[in-house]
Amino acid sequence: MFFSGLHYLEKLILSNNQIENIDENAFNYLINLTEMDLSSNMLKLIPNLFNYSEKLILLDLSLNNLKFIPENLFQNLKNLKTLFLWSNNFKTIDSSIFSNLDSLNTLELSNSHIRHLPDDVFYSLIDLRAINLAMNELETVPANLFAKNSRLEVIKMERNAFFTKHT
């Protein structure tokens, strides 16, 4: 394994490498990793990729042209505080994707072609302080979208399609 034996590694930056596939065990030995940058690649994410990344605080998956986030991808990231998912191609986000991210403070989803958000997509993000949904394709937002996010300090939603007229 490429990363075996690197038990003290805290930061891993693999951005801009044209990575498409990562073995599901690639990060298993990086038990002290707190920051991971996989941005600007062509990733195809698999569900168990971050199973042993429990100490991760920052994860950057932006600029990967991701179309969806596999269920349970973030299930063991209980300490994650910052998640960058901007400039992907999601269209929608599944309600359960963020369900285990209790410590998340910052969520960056701008410029990801999001058209629809379920009412409860952010409900589990009880510590969320800042969210960026700018430059998406949202026409409407559920009235109770942020109902459980009482600690929110910053909401960015500029340059969406809220005022687009339908004919």
Foldseek 3Di string as FASTA:
>chain_A
DVCPPPQPDAEEEDAPPQDADDPLCNCQNPQNHAYYAHAHHQYDDDQNNCVRPQNHAEYEHDHRQDQADDPNNCQNPQNHAYYHHDQHAHLEYDQRRCQRPQNHAEYEHDNHQHADYDQRNCQSPQNHAEYEHAHHAYQDDDPNNCVNNVNHDYYHHYNYNNPPDDD
